[in-house]
Amino acid sequence: MNSAALTLLEALCDSRIGTLPATEAVGLDRELVTVDGDIVRLRPEARTEAEAALAEAVRDRPIEWASLTTTQGEVLDAFAEHCRDELDEVELLAASPTALELGWRRERATVELRAGLVRGERLAAEQPAILLAPLDDALAERLAAEPRLRERMVVYDLVALAKAGAVRSSAAVFLEWFLRDAYGVKVLAAAAFTQGLVSRGVISLGMG
């Protein structure tokens, strides 16, 4: 399954999204979906297979940092262990192969592996979302252009070591500290995101 079809399947599997217009659901295996008028849904009997394929795909995304080769799934698992065993102030409220729910004082946040952000605005409706996913210029520019979206989610591309988003979440800080201490890497703001904020007057870059 190609990356575009995978992101569509991900949206249909996610209960926060669940449906897509038929005009957008191009390239999906028709054995996995049902079409009701102009709306596409995942077939109930296909959910287990689809979720397993999706989890495998997002967990197996390869990462190379200098001499270290790992995967998104291994990083998520290691961060979950770090939160559970080493951070007394952080509570690991729930964990699955592709997502963690964290609590710190009154804060709540999710850390999720994603293939993409189809209907991404629905992912952070209830609490901030920290998404480990591919980040291209178009997505970075979208986050820069939409204040509500960038204030509710942040996308970390662990392959490119780039991020986009302005969510205020202690969980994001803990994740960045973990990446630095465990792997020796630092994630920087994507150039397209920074440029988008500058062009809209959200931030300014001083000279001299």
N, C-alpha and C. Protein backbone atom coordinates (compact mmCIF):
# COMPACT_ATOMS: atom_id res chain seq x y z
N MET A 1 0.85 -1.20 0.00
CA MET A 1 0.00 0.00 0.00
C MET A 1 0.88 1.25 0.00
N ASN A 2 0.59 2.18 -0.92
CA ASN A 2 1.41 3.38 -0.98
C ASN A 2 1.07 4.34 0.16
N SER A 3 1.92 5.35 0.34
CA SER A 3 1.78 6.23 1.50
C SER A 3 0.47 7.02 1.47
N ALA A 4 0.02 7.42 0.28
CA ALA A 4 -1.23 8.18 0.19
C ALA A 4 -2.42 7.34 0.63
N ALA A 5 -2.48 6.09 0.17
CA ALA A 5 -3.57 5.20 0.57
C ALA A 5 -3.49 4.89 2.05
N LEU A 6 -2.27 4.78 2.58
CA LEU A 6 -2.10 4.48 4.00
C LEU A 6 -2.67 5.60 4.86
N THR A 7 -2.45 6.85 4.48
CA THR A 7 -2.98 7.96 5.28
C THR A 7 -4.50 8.00 5.24
N LEU A 8 -5.09 7.62 4.10
CA LEU A 8 -6.55 7.57 4.01
C LEU A 8 -7.10 6.44 4.89
N LEU A 9 -6.46 5.29 4.83
CA LEU A 9 -6.89 4.17 5.67
C LEU A 9 -6.77 4.53 7.14
N GLU A 10 -5.72 5.24 7.49
CA GLU A 10 -5.53 5.67 8.87
C GLU A 10 -6.69 6.53 9.35
N ALA A 11 -7.12 7.46 8.50
CA ALA A 11 -8.25 8.33 8.87
C ALA A 11 -9.52 7.52 9.09
N LEU A 12 -9.76 6.52 8.26
CA LEU A 12 -10.97 5.70 8.40
C LEU A 12 -10.91 4.83 9.65
N CYS A 13 -9.71 4.40 10.03
CA CYS A 13 -9.56 3.57 11.23
C CYS A 13 -9.72 4.37 12.52
N ASP A 14 -9.48 5.67 12.44
CA ASP A 14 -9.47 6.52 13.62
C ASP A 14 -10.89 6.95 13.98
N SER A 15 -11.32 6.63 15.20
CA SER A 15 -12.69 6.95 15.61
C SER A 15 -12.96 8.44 15.65
N ARG A 16 -11.92 9.27 15.73
CA ARG A 16 -12.10 10.71 15.73
C ARG A 16 -12.39 11.24 14.34
N ILE A 17 -12.18 10.42 13.34
CA ILE A 17 -12.42 10.83 11.95
C ILE A 17 -13.48 9.90 11.35
N GLY A 18 -13.11 8.70 10.99
CA GLY A 18 -14.08 7.65 10.67
C GLY A 18 -14.64 7.64 9.27
N THR A 19 -14.86 8.79 8.66
CA THR A 19 -15.43 8.84 7.31
C THR A 19 -14.66 9.84 6.46
N LEU A 20 -14.75 9.64 5.14
CA LEU A 20 -14.14 10.56 4.19
C LEU A 20 -15.07 10.72 2.99
N PRO A 21 -15.03 11.88 2.33
CA PRO A 21 -15.78 12.01 1.08
C PRO A 21 -15.24 11.03 0.05
N ALA A 22 -16.13 10.47 -0.74
CA ALA A 22 -15.71 9.49 -1.74
C ALA A 22 -14.72 10.09 -2.73
N THR A 23 -14.83 11.38 -2.97
CA THR A 23 -13.91 12.03 -3.91
C THR A 23 -12.48 12.07 -3.40
N GLU A 24 -12.32 11.94 -2.07
CA GLU A 24 -10.98 11.97 -1.49
C GLU A 24 -10.41 10.57 -1.27
N ALA A 25 -11.27 9.59 -1.17
CA ALA A 25 -10.83 8.23 -0.82
C ALA A 25 -10.43 7.45 -2.06
N VAL A 26 -9.50 7.99 -2.79
CA VAL A 26 -9.05 7.39 -4.05
C VAL A 26 -7.85 6.48 -3.77
N GLY A 27 -7.90 5.30 -4.34
CA GLY A 27 -6.77 4.38 -4.19
C GLY A 27 -6.91 3.37 -3.09
N LEU A 28 -8.02 3.41 -2.34
CA LEU A 28 -8.23 2.44 -1.28
C LEU A 28 -8.77 1.12 -1.84
N ASP A 29 -8.37 0.04 -1.23
CA ASP A 29 -8.86 -1.29 -1.60
C ASP A 29 -10.36 -1.34 -1.31
N ARG A 30 -11.14 -1.57 -2.32
CA ARG A 30 -12.61 -1.58 -2.15
C ARG A 30 -13.09 -2.73 -1.28
N GLU A 31 -12.25 -3.70 -1.01
CA GLU A 31 -12.64 -4.77 -0.10
C GLU A 31 -12.56 -4.30 1.36
N LEU A 32 -11.89 -3.17 1.59
CA LEU A 32 -11.74 -2.66 2.95
C LEU A 32 -12.79 -1.62 3.32
N VAL A 33 -13.44 -1.03 2.32
CA VAL A 33 -14.33 0.10 2.59
C VAL A 33 -15.71 -0.15 2.00
N THR A 34 -16.65 0.64 2.49
CA THR A 34 -18.00 0.66 1.95
C THR A 34 -18.35 2.10 1.59
N VAL A 35 -19.09 2.28 0.52
CA VAL A 35 -19.47 3.61 0.04
C VAL A 35 -20.96 3.80 0.25
N ASP A 36 -21.30 4.84 1.00
CA ASP A 36 -22.70 5.16 1.27
C ASP A 36 -22.96 6.55 0.70
N GLY A 37 -23.50 6.59 -0.51
CA GLY A 37 -23.67 7.87 -1.19
C GLY A 37 -22.30 8.43 -1.56
N ASP A 38 -21.98 9.58 -0.99
CA ASP A 38 -20.67 10.17 -1.26
C ASP A 38 -19.73 10.07 -0.06
N ILE A 39 -20.06 9.15 0.88
CA ILE A 39 -19.26 8.96 2.08
C ILE A 39 -18.65 7.56 2.08
N VAL A 40 -17.37 7.50 2.45
CA VAL A 40 -16.65 6.22 2.53
C VAL A 40 -16.37 5.89 3.98
N ARG A 41 -16.64 4.64 4.35
CA ARG A 41 -16.35 4.14 5.69
C ARG A 41 -15.58 2.84 5.60
N LEU A 42 -14.90 2.49 6.68
CA LEU A 42 -14.22 1.21 6.77
C LEU A 42 -15.25 0.11 7.04
N ARG A 43 -15.11 -1.00 6.34
CA ARG A 43 -15.99 -2.14 6.62
C ARG A 43 -15.68 -2.69 8.01
N PRO A 44 -16.69 -2.93 8.84
CA PRO A 44 -16.43 -3.43 10.20
C PRO A 44 -15.60 -4.71 10.21
N GLU A 45 -15.86 -5.59 9.26
CA GLU A 45 -15.14 -6.86 9.24
C GLU A 45 -13.69 -6.70 8.79
N ALA A 46 -13.36 -5.53 8.25
CA ALA A 46 -11.99 -5.29 7.79
C ALA A 46 -11.15 -4.53 8.82
N ARG A 47 -11.77 -4.11 9.92
CA ARG A 47 -11.07 -3.23 10.86
C ARG A 47 -9.83 -3.89 11.45
N THR A 48 -9.93 -5.12 11.91
CA THR A 48 -8.79 -5.77 12.56
C THR A 48 -7.60 -5.85 11.62
N GLU A 49 -7.85 -6.27 10.38
CA GLU A 49 -6.78 -6.38 9.40
C GLU A 49 -6.18 -5.01 9.07
N ALA A 50 -7.06 -4.02 8.90
CA ALA A 50 -6.59 -2.68 8.54
C ALA A 50 -5.77 -2.06 9.66
N GLU A 51 -6.23 -2.19 10.90
CA GLU A 51 -5.50 -1.61 12.03
C GLU A 51 -4.15 -2.29 12.21
N ALA A 52 -4.09 -3.59 11.99
CA ALA A 52 -2.81 -4.30 12.12
C ALA A 52 -1.82 -3.85 11.05
N ALA A 53 -2.30 -3.70 9.83
CA ALA A 53 -1.43 -3.25 8.74
C ALA A 53 -0.94 -1.83 8.98
N LEU A 54 -1.84 -1.00 9.48
CA LEU A 54 -1.48 0.40 9.75
C LEU A 54 -0.45 0.49 10.87
N ALA A 55 -0.67 -0.25 11.96
CA ALA A 55 0.27 -0.24 13.08
C ALA A 55 1.65 -0.71 12.65
N GLU A 56 1.69 -1.74 11.84
CA GLU A 56 2.98 -2.25 11.36
C GLU A 56 3.70 -1.20 10.52
N ALA A 57 2.95 -0.51 9.66
CA ALA A 57 3.56 0.47 8.77
C ALA A 57 4.14 1.66 9.55
N VAL A 58 3.38 2.20 10.49
CA VAL A 58 3.88 3.39 11.20
C VAL A 58 4.96 3.03 12.21
N ARG A 59 4.87 1.84 12.79
CA ARG A 59 5.90 1.43 13.75
C ARG A 59 7.22 1.11 13.05
N ASP A 60 7.15 0.59 11.84
CA ASP A 60 8.36 0.15 11.15
C ASP A 60 9.04 1.25 10.35
N ARG A 61 8.54 2.48 10.40
CA ARG A 61 9.21 3.56 9.68
C ARG A 61 10.67 3.66 10.16
N PRO A 62 11.63 3.46 9.26
CA PRO A 62 13.03 3.41 9.69
C PRO A 62 13.61 4.79 9.99
N ILE A 63 14.49 4.83 10.97
CA ILE A 63 15.16 6.06 11.39
C ILE A 63 16.65 5.77 11.46
N GLU A 64 17.45 6.66 10.89
CA GLU A 64 18.90 6.53 10.97
C GLU A 64 19.47 7.81 11.57
N TRP A 65 20.07 7.68 12.74
CA TRP A 65 20.73 8.80 13.41
C TRP A 65 22.20 8.44 13.55
N ALA A 66 23.04 9.06 12.73
CA ALA A 66 24.47 8.74 12.72
C ALA A 66 24.65 7.23 12.55
N SER A 67 25.25 6.57 13.52
CA SER A 67 25.50 5.13 13.38
C SER A 67 24.35 4.28 13.91
N LEU A 68 23.30 4.91 14.42
CA LEU A 68 22.18 4.19 15.01
C LEU A 68 21.04 4.04 14.01
N THR A 69 20.55 2.82 13.87
CA THR A 69 19.37 2.56 13.07
C THR A 69 18.28 2.04 13.99
N THR A 70 17.11 2.67 13.94
CA THR A 70 15.99 2.27 14.79
C THR A 70 14.70 2.48 14.02
N THR A 71 13.58 2.42 14.70
CA THR A 71 12.28 2.64 14.07
C THR A 71 11.44 3.54 14.96
N GLN A 72 10.39 4.12 14.38
CA GLN A 72 9.47 4.94 15.18
C GLN A 72 8.88 4.14 16.33
N GLY A 73 8.52 2.89 16.06
CA GLY A 73 7.91 2.07 17.10
C GLY A 73 8.85 1.83 18.26
N GLU A 74 10.12 1.60 17.97
CA GLU A 74 11.09 1.37 19.03
C GLU A 74 11.30 2.64 19.87
N VAL A 75 11.28 3.79 19.21
CA VAL A 75 11.41 5.05 19.95
C VAL A 75 10.20 5.27 20.85
N LEU A 76 8.99 5.01 20.31
CA LEU A 76 7.78 5.17 21.12
C LEU A 76 7.82 4.24 22.33
N ASP A 77 8.21 2.99 22.13
CA ASP A 77 8.28 2.03 23.23
C ASP A 77 9.29 2.49 24.29
N ALA A 78 10.43 2.99 23.82
CA ALA A 78 11.46 3.44 24.77
C ALA A 78 10.99 4.66 25.54
N PHE A 79 10.26 5.55 24.88
CA PHE A 79 9.75 6.73 25.58
C PHE A 79 8.69 6.32 26.60
N ALA A 80 7.86 5.36 26.26
CA ALA A 80 6.86 4.87 27.22
C ALA A 80 7.54 4.29 28.46
N GLU A 81 8.58 3.51 28.24
CA GLU A 81 9.32 2.93 29.37
C GLU A 81 9.97 4.02 30.21
N HIS A 82 10.51 5.03 29.53
CA HIS A 82 11.13 6.16 30.22
C HIS A 82 10.12 6.89 31.10
N CYS A 83 8.94 7.15 30.56
CA CYS A 83 7.90 7.84 31.34
C CYS A 83 7.45 7.01 32.53
N ARG A 84 7.30 5.72 32.31
CA ARG A 84 6.79 4.84 33.36
C ARG A 84 7.81 4.62 34.47
N ASP A 85 9.09 4.47 34.10
CA ASP A 85 10.08 4.04 35.08
C ASP A 85 10.99 5.15 35.61
N GLU A 86 11.11 6.24 34.87
CA GLU A 86 12.11 7.24 35.24
C GLU A 86 11.54 8.63 35.54
N LEU A 87 10.32 8.90 35.14
CA LEU A 87 9.74 10.23 35.38
C LEU A 87 8.64 10.10 36.44
N ASP A 88 8.99 10.41 37.67
CA ASP A 88 8.03 10.26 38.76
C ASP A 88 6.82 11.18 38.60
N GLU A 89 7.04 12.33 37.96
CA GLU A 89 5.97 13.31 37.85
C GLU A 89 5.04 13.07 36.67
N VAL A 90 5.41 12.13 35.81
CA VAL A 90 4.61 11.84 34.61
C VAL A 90 3.88 10.52 34.80
N GLU A 91 2.61 10.52 34.48
CA GLU A 91 1.80 9.31 34.60
C GLU A 91 1.49 8.78 33.20
N LEU A 92 1.83 7.52 32.96
CA LEU A 92 1.47 6.86 31.71
C LEU A 92 0.07 6.30 31.87
N LEU A 93 -0.90 7.04 31.34
CA LEU A 93 -2.31 6.71 31.57
C LEU A 93 -2.79 5.56 30.69
N ALA A 94 -2.24 5.46 29.49
CA ALA A 94 -2.64 4.40 28.57
C ALA A 94 -1.55 4.24 27.54
N ALA A 95 -1.43 3.01 27.01
CA ALA A 95 -0.42 2.75 25.99
C ALA A 95 -0.92 1.69 25.03
N SER A 96 -0.64 1.90 23.77
CA SER A 96 -0.93 0.93 22.72
C SER A 96 0.29 0.88 21.80
N PRO A 97 0.32 0.00 20.82
CA PRO A 97 1.48 -0.06 19.92
C PRO A 97 1.74 1.24 19.16
N THR A 98 0.73 2.11 19.03
CA THR A 98 0.91 3.32 18.24
C THR A 98 0.62 4.61 18.99
N ALA A 99 0.27 4.55 20.26
CA ALA A 99 -0.10 5.79 20.97
C ALA A 99 0.12 5.65 22.47
N LEU A 100 0.45 6.79 23.08
CA LEU A 100 0.54 6.90 24.53
C LEU A 100 -0.35 8.04 24.98
N GLU A 101 -0.93 7.89 26.16
CA GLU A 101 -1.63 9.01 26.79
C GLU A 101 -0.89 9.32 28.09
N LEU A 102 -0.46 10.57 28.21
CA LEU A 102 0.36 10.98 29.34
C LEU A 102 -0.35 12.02 30.19
N GLY A 103 -0.08 11.99 31.47
CA GLY A 103 -0.60 12.99 32.39
C GLY A 103 0.53 13.60 33.19
N TRP A 104 0.48 14.90 33.37
CA TRP A 104 1.44 15.61 34.21
C TRP A 104 0.67 16.72 34.91
N ARG A 105 0.53 16.58 36.24
CA ARG A 105 -0.32 17.49 37.00
C ARG A 105 -1.71 17.51 36.36
N ARG A 106 -2.17 18.69 35.94
CA ARG A 106 -3.49 18.74 35.31
C ARG A 106 -3.45 18.58 33.79
N GLU A 107 -2.26 18.47 33.24
CA GLU A 107 -2.12 18.37 31.79
C GLU A 107 -2.37 16.94 31.31
N ARG A 108 -2.95 16.84 30.12
CA ARG A 108 -3.11 15.57 29.43
C ARG A 108 -2.66 15.76 27.99
N ALA A 109 -2.03 14.75 27.44
CA ALA A 109 -1.60 14.83 26.05
C ALA A 109 -1.44 13.43 25.50
N THR A 110 -1.56 13.30 24.19
CA THR A 110 -1.30 12.03 23.53
C THR A 110 -0.02 12.14 22.70
N VAL A 111 0.70 11.04 22.62
CA VAL A 111 1.84 10.91 21.72
C VAL A 111 1.49 9.78 20.76
N GLU A 112 1.41 10.09 19.48
CA GLU A 112 0.90 9.12 18.51
C GLU A 112 1.83 8.96 17.32
N LEU A 113 1.93 7.74 16.84
CA LEU A 113 2.56 7.48 15.55
C LEU A 113 1.50 7.66 14.47
N ARG A 114 1.83 8.43 13.43
CA ARG A 114 0.87 8.69 12.36
C ARG A 114 1.54 8.49 11.00
N ALA A 115 0.74 8.05 10.06
CA ALA A 115 1.21 7.98 8.68
C ALA A 115 1.07 9.33 8.00
N GLY A 116 0.10 10.12 8.44
CA GLY A 116 -0.16 11.43 7.86
C GLY A 116 -1.21 12.16 8.65
N LEU A 117 -1.68 13.28 8.11
CA LEU A 117 -2.63 14.11 8.85
C LEU A 117 -3.88 14.41 8.03
N VAL A 118 -4.45 13.41 7.40
CA VAL A 118 -5.75 13.59 6.77
C VAL A 118 -6.77 13.91 7.87
N ARG A 119 -7.50 15.01 7.71
CA ARG A 119 -8.45 15.49 8.72
C ARG A 119 -7.75 15.66 10.08
N GLY A 120 -6.54 16.16 10.04
CA GLY A 120 -5.74 16.27 11.25
C GLY A 120 -6.34 17.19 12.30
N GLU A 121 -7.21 18.11 11.89
CA GLU A 121 -7.80 19.03 12.86
C GLU A 121 -8.65 18.31 13.90
N ARG A 122 -9.07 17.09 13.61
CA ARG A 122 -9.90 16.35 14.57
C ARG A 122 -9.09 15.60 15.62
N LEU A 123 -7.79 15.54 15.44
CA LEU A 123 -6.96 14.72 16.33
C LEU A 123 -6.73 15.37 17.68
N ALA A 124 -6.81 16.68 17.75
CA ALA A 124 -6.51 17.40 18.99
C ALA A 124 -7.72 18.14 19.52
N ALA A 125 -8.89 17.62 19.25
CA ALA A 125 -10.11 18.31 19.68
C ALA A 125 -10.26 18.30 21.19
N GLU A 126 -9.79 17.24 21.86
CA GLU A 126 -10.00 17.10 23.30
C GLU A 126 -8.76 17.44 24.12
N GLN A 127 -7.58 17.14 23.60
CA GLN A 127 -6.35 17.42 24.33
C GLN A 127 -5.21 17.55 23.33
N PRO A 128 -4.12 18.19 23.72
CA PRO A 128 -3.01 18.38 22.79
C PRO A 128 -2.50 17.06 22.24
N ALA A 129 -2.09 17.09 20.97
CA ALA A 129 -1.58 15.89 20.31
C ALA A 129 -0.14 16.11 19.87
N ILE A 130 0.70 15.17 20.22
CA ILE A 130 2.10 15.15 19.79
C ILE A 130 2.21 14.00 18.80
N LEU A 131 2.46 14.34 17.55
CA LEU A 131 2.37 13.37 16.47
C LEU A 131 3.75 13.09 15.89
N LEU A 132 4.13 11.83 15.87
CA LEU A 132 5.38 11.42 15.24
C LEU A 132 5.03 10.94 13.84
N ALA A 133 5.38 11.75 12.84
CA ALA A 133 4.88 11.52 11.49
C ALA A 133 5.78 12.21 10.47
N PRO A 134 5.66 11.83 9.19
CA PRO A 134 6.38 12.57 8.15
C PRO A 134 5.91 14.03 8.11
N LEU A 135 6.85 14.93 7.92
CA LEU A 135 6.54 16.36 7.88
C LEU A 135 7.13 16.95 6.61
N ASP A 136 6.26 17.35 5.68
CA ASP A 136 6.73 18.01 4.47
C ASP A 136 6.42 19.50 4.55
N ASP A 137 6.87 20.25 3.54
CA ASP A 137 6.68 21.70 3.57
C ASP A 137 5.21 22.08 3.59
N ALA A 138 4.38 21.34 2.85
CA ALA A 138 2.95 21.68 2.79
C ALA A 138 2.30 21.58 4.16
N LEU A 139 2.62 20.53 4.90
CA LEU A 139 2.05 20.37 6.24
C LEU A 139 2.61 21.42 7.19
N ALA A 140 3.90 21.71 7.10
CA ALA A 140 4.49 22.73 7.96
C ALA A 140 3.85 24.09 7.70
N GLU A 141 3.62 24.40 6.43
CA GLU A 141 2.99 25.67 6.08
C GLU A 141 1.54 25.72 6.55
N ARG A 142 0.85 24.59 6.49
CA ARG A 142 -0.53 24.55 6.98
C ARG A 142 -0.59 24.82 8.47
N LEU A 143 0.33 24.22 9.22
CA LEU A 143 0.35 24.46 10.66
C LEU A 143 0.68 25.92 10.97
N ALA A 144 1.55 26.51 10.18
CA ALA A 144 1.87 27.93 10.38
C ALA A 144 0.67 28.81 10.08
N ALA A 145 -0.15 28.41 9.11
CA ALA A 145 -1.26 29.23 8.65
C ALA A 145 -2.51 29.12 9.52
N GLU A 146 -2.63 28.03 10.29
CA GLU A 146 -3.85 27.79 11.07
C GLU A 146 -3.54 27.84 12.56
N PRO A 147 -3.82 28.98 13.21
CA PRO A 147 -3.46 29.13 14.63
C PRO A 147 -4.04 28.05 15.53
N ARG A 148 -5.30 27.72 15.35
CA ARG A 148 -5.92 26.74 16.25
C ARG A 148 -5.23 25.38 16.11
N LEU A 149 -4.86 25.04 14.88
CA LEU A 149 -4.22 23.75 14.64
C LEU A 149 -2.83 23.71 15.26
N ARG A 150 -2.04 24.73 15.03
CA ARG A 150 -0.66 24.71 15.53
C ARG A 150 -0.59 24.83 17.05
N GLU A 151 -1.65 25.40 17.66
CA GLU A 151 -1.66 25.53 19.11
C GLU A 151 -2.17 24.28 19.81
N ARG A 152 -2.71 23.33 19.04
CA ARG A 152 -3.25 22.11 19.62
C ARG A 152 -2.44 20.86 19.28
N MET A 153 -1.50 20.99 18.32
CA MET A 153 -0.70 19.83 17.95
C MET A 153 0.69 20.24 17.51
N VAL A 154 1.59 19.29 17.61
CA VAL A 154 2.94 19.47 17.09
C VAL A 154 3.34 18.17 16.40
N VAL A 155 3.91 18.32 15.22
CA VAL A 155 4.35 17.16 14.44
C VAL A 155 5.87 17.07 14.53
N TYR A 156 6.34 15.90 14.93
CA TYR A 156 7.78 15.62 14.97
C TYR A 156 8.11 14.61 13.88
N ASP A 157 8.97 15.00 12.96
CA ASP A 157 9.49 14.06 11.97
C ASP A 157 10.84 13.58 12.49
N LEU A 158 10.87 12.37 13.00
CA LEU A 158 12.08 11.86 13.62
C LEU A 158 13.14 11.49 12.59
N VAL A 159 12.74 11.31 11.35
CA VAL A 159 13.71 11.03 10.28
C VAL A 159 14.46 12.31 9.93
N ALA A 160 13.71 13.39 9.71
CA ALA A 160 14.31 14.67 9.33
C ALA A 160 14.77 15.49 10.53
N LEU A 161 14.41 15.05 11.75
CA LEU A 161 14.68 15.80 12.98
C LEU A 161 14.15 17.23 12.86
N ALA A 162 12.89 17.31 12.41
CA ALA A 162 12.22 18.60 12.24
C ALA A 162 10.86 18.54 12.92
N LYS A 163 10.36 19.72 13.31
CA LYS A 163 9.06 19.77 13.97
C LYS A 163 8.30 21.00 13.49
N ALA A 164 6.98 20.94 13.66
CA ALA A 164 6.12 22.08 13.35
C ALA A 164 4.94 22.04 14.29
N GLY A 165 4.65 23.18 14.90
CA GLY A 165 3.56 23.27 15.86
C GLY A 165 3.98 24.13 17.03
N ALA A 166 3.00 24.67 17.74
CA ALA A 166 3.29 25.56 18.87
C ALA A 166 2.51 25.15 20.10
N VAL A 167 2.23 23.86 20.22
CA VAL A 167 1.45 23.39 21.35
C VAL A 167 2.24 23.58 22.65
N ARG A 168 1.54 24.02 23.68
CA ARG A 168 2.15 24.15 25.00
C ARG A 168 1.84 22.89 25.79
N SER A 169 2.80 22.00 25.82
CA SER A 169 2.60 20.72 26.48
C SER A 169 3.91 20.28 27.12
N SER A 170 3.84 19.96 28.40
CA SER A 170 5.02 19.45 29.08
C SER A 170 5.46 18.11 28.49
N ALA A 171 4.50 17.34 27.96
CA ALA A 171 4.85 16.06 27.36
C ALA A 171 5.79 16.25 26.17
N ALA A 172 5.59 17.31 25.40
CA ALA A 172 6.49 17.59 24.28
C ALA A 172 7.89 17.91 24.77
N VAL A 173 7.97 18.65 25.86
CA VAL A 173 9.28 18.97 26.45
C VAL A 173 9.96 17.69 26.93
N PHE A 174 9.21 16.85 27.63
CA PHE A 174 9.78 15.59 28.11
C PHE A 174 10.26 14.73 26.94
N LEU A 175 9.51 14.71 25.83
CA LEU A 175 9.92 13.94 24.66
C LEU A 175 11.23 14.46 24.09
N GLU A 176 11.36 15.77 23.98
CA GLU A 176 12.58 16.34 23.41
C GLU A 176 13.77 16.07 24.33
N TRP A 177 13.57 16.17 25.63
CA TRP A 177 14.66 15.85 26.57
C TRP A 177 15.06 14.38 26.44
N PHE A 178 14.07 13.52 26.29
CA PHE A 178 14.34 12.09 26.13
C PHE A 178 15.15 11.82 24.86
N LEU A 179 14.75 12.41 23.75
CA LEU A 179 15.48 12.22 22.49
C LEU A 179 16.93 12.70 22.63
N ARG A 180 17.10 13.81 23.30
CA ARG A 180 18.46 14.34 23.51
C ARG A 180 19.29 13.41 24.38
N ASP A 181 18.74 12.98 25.50
CA ASP A 181 19.52 12.21 26.47
C ASP A 181 19.72 10.76 26.03
N ALA A 182 18.68 10.16 25.41
CA ALA A 182 18.76 8.74 25.05
C ALA A 182 19.45 8.51 23.71
N TYR A 183 19.28 9.46 22.79
CA TYR A 183 19.79 9.24 21.43
C TYR A 183 20.77 10.32 20.96
N GLY A 184 20.91 11.39 21.74
CA GLY A 184 21.83 12.44 21.35
C GLY A 184 21.39 13.26 20.17
N VAL A 185 20.07 13.38 19.96
CA VAL A 185 19.56 14.14 18.81
C VAL A 185 18.70 15.30 19.30
N LYS A 186 18.62 16.33 18.48
CA LYS A 186 17.80 17.49 18.77
C LYS A 186 16.89 17.76 17.58
N VAL A 187 15.64 18.01 17.86
CA VAL A 187 14.67 18.30 16.81
C VAL A 187 14.51 19.81 16.70
N LEU A 188 14.65 20.34 15.48
CA LEU A 188 14.57 21.77 15.24
C LEU A 188 13.30 22.11 14.47
N ALA A 189 12.86 23.34 14.61
CA ALA A 189 11.67 23.79 13.87
C ALA A 189 11.94 23.71 12.37
N ALA A 190 10.97 23.18 11.64
CA ALA A 190 11.09 23.08 10.19
C ALA A 190 11.19 24.48 9.59
N ALA A 191 12.04 24.64 8.59
CA ALA A 191 12.24 25.95 7.98
C ALA A 191 10.93 26.50 7.41
N ALA A 192 10.13 25.64 6.79
CA ALA A 192 8.87 26.11 6.19
C ALA A 192 7.91 26.60 7.26
N PHE A 193 7.94 25.98 8.44
CA PHE A 193 7.08 26.42 9.53
C PHE A 193 7.54 27.79 10.05
N THR A 194 8.82 27.93 10.29
CA THR A 194 9.34 29.21 10.76
C THR A 194 9.08 30.32 9.76
N GLN A 195 9.32 30.04 8.48
CA GLN A 195 9.10 31.04 7.45
C GLN A 195 7.63 31.43 7.36
N GLY A 196 6.73 30.44 7.56
CA GLY A 196 5.30 30.72 7.54
C GLY A 196 4.89 31.63 8.68
N LEU A 197 5.45 31.42 9.86
CA LEU A 197 5.15 32.28 11.00
C LEU A 197 5.68 33.69 10.78
N VAL A 198 6.88 33.79 10.23
CA VAL A 198 7.48 35.10 9.97
C VAL A 198 6.65 35.87 8.95
N SER A 199 6.25 35.21 7.87
CA SER A 199 5.51 35.89 6.81
C SER A 199 4.14 36.38 7.28
N ARG A 200 3.61 35.75 8.34
CA ARG A 200 2.31 36.15 8.88
C ARG A 200 2.44 37.09 10.07
N GLY A 201 3.65 37.46 10.40
CA GLY A 201 3.88 38.39 11.49
C GLY A 201 3.70 37.80 12.87
N VAL A 202 3.68 36.45 12.95
CA VAL A 202 3.51 35.80 14.25
C VAL A 202 4.78 35.91 15.07
N ILE A 203 5.92 35.75 14.40
CA ILE A 203 7.21 35.93 15.05
C ILE A 203 8.08 36.78 14.15
N SER A 204 9.15 37.30 14.70
CA SER A 204 10.11 38.04 13.88
C SER A 204 11.49 37.54 14.21
N LEU A 205 12.35 37.54 13.21
CA LEU A 205 13.72 37.09 13.40
C LEU A 205 14.62 38.32 13.39
N GLY A 206 15.23 38.62 14.53
CA GLY A 206 16.08 39.80 14.63
C GLY A 206 17.36 39.63 13.84
N MET A 207 17.91 40.73 13.42
CA MET A 207 19.16 40.72 12.65
C MET A 207 20.26 41.36 13.51
N GLY A 208 21.49 40.90 13.27
CA GLY A 208 22.61 41.50 13.95
C GLY A 208 22.88 40.88 15.29
